Amino acid sequence: MQTLYLIRHTKPNIASGICYGQLDIDVAGSFETEANNILHCLPPLQLVIASPLLRAHRLGEHLAQALGCPLRSDTRLIEKHFGAWEGKPWDDIPHNEIDAWAADVMDYAPPGGESAQQLMQRAQGFMHDLAQLPQQHIALVAHGGSIRALLALFADVSLADTLGWQMEYGAVVCVQFATDSQHLRCAHDSERIPHRQS
């Protein structure tokens, strides 16, 4: 059985209200404080796997160095690609495109972007390979969308069902799972780990 710590990146250095998706944005000035708060939540780990986007990779580096464990990068943990929407204020995205997305959350893809279904396919491939690793205590540093995709797999629900779940910057969720030849099983409900105050 593996114990996974799913960690959303810290606050990015971008104005609020912007659709940023896969834009490679650096972390905000509060990074050190946020990263150390996350570190205080974690037990000893054997491996950290991070999205290669800077805002996640920098946190992965920080945690791996502090915990003395290897760091790997995996592109399948990257945020959902929002295509032509990226870099635009959400309020400036054409209403007909937002309406089309709301009407078909799983299969609609923004112009030049990917659908939630494609995001789920990435997550499924990642989880299949993760289950083959010998390490039992692993942190995954990723993004709101990719973490929700992983949690949807654990909970056996649609990604659309996870959209209301709180996943703020620096959130840490602990999940234990085991695999057999056919199924991925969630050993217990996902558990939110509260931040400790430094």
Protein backbone atom coordinates (compact mmCIF):
# COMPACT_ATOMS: atom_id res chain seq x y z
CA MET A 1 0.00 0.00 0.00
CA GLN A 2 1.26 3.45 -0.91
CA THR A 3 0.65 6.64 1.04
CA LEU A 4 0.47 9.68 -1.20
CA TYR A 5 0.53 13.34 -0.25
CA LEU A 6 -1.13 15.38 -3.00
CA ILE A 7 0.08 18.96 -2.70
CA ARG A 8 -1.09 21.97 -4.66
CA HIS A 9 1.59 24.51 -5.51
CA THR A 10 1.93 27.71 -3.50
CA LYS A 11 0.54 31.05 -4.62
CA PRO A 12 1.73 31.98 -8.13
CA ASN A 13 3.05 35.40 -9.10
CA ILE A 14 0.06 36.48 -11.17
CA ALA A 15 -2.89 38.79 -10.64
CA SER A 16 -6.12 37.22 -9.47
CA GLY A 17 -8.83 36.61 -12.03
CA ILE A 18 -6.46 35.48 -14.80
CA CYS A 19 -6.81 32.09 -16.50
CA TYR A 20 -3.25 30.74 -16.39
CA GLY A 21 -3.50 26.98 -16.95
CA GLN A 22 -0.16 25.78 -18.31
CA LEU A 23 1.52 29.21 -18.38
CA ASP A 24 4.88 28.79 -16.65
CA ILE A 25 4.46 31.29 -13.84
CA ASP A 26 6.92 31.71 -10.98
CA VAL A 27 5.94 31.64 -7.31
CA ALA A 28 4.87 34.68 -5.29
CA GLY A 29 7.02 36.38 -2.69
CA SER A 30 5.31 34.39 0.07
CA PHE A 31 6.84 31.14 -1.25
CA GLU A 32 9.27 30.41 1.61
CA THR A 33 6.60 30.83 4.27
CA GLU A 34 4.04 28.77 2.36
CA ALA A 35 6.55 26.04 1.52
CA ASN A 36 7.69 25.71 5.12
CA ASN A 37 4.07 25.48 6.31
CA ILE A 38 3.59 22.58 3.89
CA LEU A 39 6.82 20.96 5.03
CA HIS A 40 5.59 20.95 8.62
CA CYS A 41 2.60 18.84 7.51
CA LEU A 42 4.68 16.06 6.02
CA PRO A 43 6.28 12.94 7.50
CA PRO A 44 9.54 11.50 6.14
CA LEU A 45 9.13 10.71 2.44
CA GLN A 46 10.90 8.43 -0.03
CA LEU A 47 10.15 10.37 -3.20
CA VAL A 48 8.75 13.68 -4.47
CA ILE A 49 7.22 13.84 -7.95
CA ALA A 50 6.41 17.30 -9.28
CA SER A 51 4.88 18.93 -12.31
CA PRO A 52 7.66 20.56 -14.34
CA LEU A 53 5.87 23.93 -14.31
CA LEU A 54 7.96 26.34 -12.26
CA ARG A 55 5.38 27.05 -9.56
CA ALA A 56 5.15 23.32 -8.74
CA HIS A 57 8.73 22.30 -9.48
CA ARG A 58 10.18 24.90 -7.12
CA LEU A 59 8.04 23.55 -4.31
CA GLY A 60 9.07 20.00 -5.21
CA GLU A 61 12.73 21.01 -5.02
CA HIS A 62 12.21 22.70 -1.67
CA LEU A 63 10.48 19.67 -0.15
CA ALA A 64 12.86 17.09 -1.59
CA GLN A 65 15.91 18.98 -0.36
CA ALA A 66 14.48 19.51 3.11
CA LEU A 67 13.37 15.87 3.44
CA GLY A 68 16.47 14.37 1.86
CA CYS A 69 14.69 12.40 -0.84
CA PRO A 70 14.84 12.25 -4.65
CA LEU A 71 12.84 14.57 -6.89
CA ARG A 72 11.32 13.48 -10.19
CA SER A 73 9.44 15.51 -12.77
CA ASP A 74 6.40 14.21 -14.65
CA THR A 75 4.60 16.17 -17.36
CA ARG A 76 1.36 14.27 -16.70
CA LEU A 77 0.95 16.30 -13.50
CA ILE A 78 0.81 19.59 -15.44
CA GLU A 79 -2.34 21.69 -15.12
CA LYS A 80 -5.16 21.43 -17.66
CA HIS A 81 -4.34 23.26 -20.89
CA PHE A 82 -6.79 26.12 -21.40
CA GLY A 83 -5.47 27.01 -24.86
CA ALA A 84 -6.44 30.46 -26.14
CA TRP A 85 -7.90 31.38 -22.75
CA GLU A 86 -4.53 31.33 -21.01
CA GLY A 87 -3.25 34.73 -19.96
CA LYS A 88 -6.68 36.34 -20.31
CA PRO A 89 -8.89 37.60 -17.49
CA TRP A 90 -11.75 35.17 -16.99
CA ASP A 91 -14.15 38.08 -17.53
CA ASP A 92 -12.73 38.64 -21.04
CA ILE A 93 -13.29 35.09 -22.26
CA PRO A 94 -16.24 34.99 -24.70
CA HIS A 95 -19.46 34.11 -22.90
CA ASN A 96 -20.46 31.61 -25.56
CA GLU A 97 -17.26 29.65 -24.92
CA ILE A 98 -17.78 29.68 -21.15
CA ASP A 99 -21.39 28.56 -21.68
CA ALA A 100 -20.26 25.71 -23.95
CA TRP A 101 -17.79 24.60 -21.28
CA ALA A 102 -20.43 24.73 -18.54
CA ALA A 103 -22.78 22.65 -20.68
CA ASP A 104 -20.19 19.93 -21.32
CA VAL A 105 -17.60 20.08 -18.55
CA MET A 106 -15.92 16.79 -19.39
CA ASP A 107 -15.66 16.91 -23.17
CA TYR A 108 -15.46 20.60 -24.07
CA ALA A 109 -11.96 21.90 -24.83
CA PRO A 110 -11.16 25.62 -25.04
CA PRO A 111 -9.77 26.65 -28.45
CA GLY A 112 -6.31 25.11 -28.68
CA GLY A 113 -6.65 23.50 -25.25
CA GLU A 114 -7.59 20.15 -23.77
CA SER A 115 -10.78 18.73 -22.32
CA ALA A 116 -11.27 17.46 -18.79
CA GLN A 117 -11.53 13.98 -20.30
CA GLN A 118 -8.02 14.36 -21.72
CA LEU A 119 -6.81 15.53 -18.31
CA MET A 120 -8.32 12.38 -16.78
CA GLN A 121 -6.53 10.20 -19.32
CA ARG A 122 -3.22 11.77 -18.28
CA ALA A 123 -4.03 11.12 -14.64
CA GLN A 124 -4.93 7.48 -15.32
CA GLY A 125 -1.65 6.85 -17.10
CA PHE A 126 0.27 8.50 -14.29
CA MET A 127 -1.48 6.45 -11.59
CA HIS A 128 -0.83 3.21 -13.48
CA ASP A 129 2.90 3.93 -13.54
CA LEU A 130 2.94 5.24 -9.97
CA ALA A 131 1.54 1.94 -8.71
CA GLN A 132 4.60 0.14 -10.10
CA LEU A 133 7.06 2.16 -8.00
CA PRO A 134 8.68 0.52 -4.97
CA GLN A 135 8.44 3.67 -2.83
CA GLN A 136 5.59 3.65 -0.32
CA HIS A 137 5.59 7.28 0.90
CA ILE A 138 5.42 9.77 -1.96
CA ALA A 139 4.53 13.46 -2.36
CA LEU A 140 2.94 14.63 -5.61
CA VAL A 141 3.29 18.37 -6.21
CA ALA A 142 0.82 19.49 -8.83
CA HIS A 143 -2.07 21.82 -9.68
CA GLY A 144 -5.73 22.21 -8.81
CA GLY A 145 -6.95 20.49 -11.96
CA SER A 146 -4.51 17.60 -11.99
CA ILE A 147 -5.00 16.94 -8.28
CA ARG A 148 -8.78 16.88 -8.72
CA ALA A 149 -8.31 14.39 -11.57
CA LEU A 150 -6.29 12.11 -9.29
CA LEU A 151 -8.81 12.43 -6.47
CA ALA A 152 -11.64 11.63 -8.88
CA LEU A 153 -9.85 8.36 -9.68
CA PHE A 154 -9.42 7.54 -6.00
CA ALA A 155 -13.04 8.33 -5.17
CA ASP A 156 -14.38 6.73 -8.38
CA VAL A 157 -16.34 9.85 -9.31
CA SER A 158 -16.42 12.12 -12.35
CA LEU A 159 -13.95 14.97 -12.45
CA ALA A 160 -16.99 17.25 -12.70
CA ASP A 161 -18.04 16.05 -9.24
CA THR A 162 -14.79 17.38 -7.74
CA LEU A 163 -15.15 20.97 -8.93
CA GLY A 164 -16.72 22.07 -5.66
CA TRP A 165 -13.96 20.55 -3.52
CA GLN A 166 -11.73 23.09 -1.80
CA MET A 167 -8.18 22.99 -3.16
CA GLU A 168 -6.50 26.25 -2.22
CA TYR A 169 -2.82 27.03 -2.75
CA GLY A 170 -0.66 24.84 -0.52
CA ALA A 171 -3.44 22.34 0.21
CA VAL A 172 -2.24 18.88 1.25
CA VAL A 173 -4.41 15.78 0.87
CA CYS A 174 -3.32 12.35 2.08
CA VAL A 175 -4.55 9.22 0.30
CA GLN A 176 -3.64 5.58 0.81
CA PHE A 177 -4.24 3.12 -1.98
CA ALA A 178 -3.44 -0.41 -3.07
CA THR A 179 -3.58 -2.00 -6.49
CA ASP A 180 -4.32 -5.47 -7.80
CA SER A 181 -4.17 -6.75 -11.34
CA GLN A 182 -7.41 -5.04 -12.34
CA HIS A 183 -8.40 -2.23 -10.01
CA LEU A 184 -7.18 0.84 -8.21
CA ARG A 185 -8.74 0.88 -4.75
CA CYS A 186 -9.00 3.70 -2.26
CA ALA A 187 -8.16 2.22 1.15
CA HIS A 188 -9.90 5.00 3.04
CA ASP A 189 -11.46 8.36 2.39
CA SER A 190 -9.15 11.18 1.35
CA GLU A 191 -8.06 13.10 4.42
CA ARG A 192 -7.20 16.77 4.54
CA ILE A 193 -4.10 17.45 6.58
CA PRO A 194 -4.33 20.80 8.37
CA HIS A 195 -1.41 23.19 8.18
CA ARG A 196 0.65 23.53 11.32
CA GLN A 197 1.48 27.04 12.37
CA SER A 198 5.18 27.87 12.26
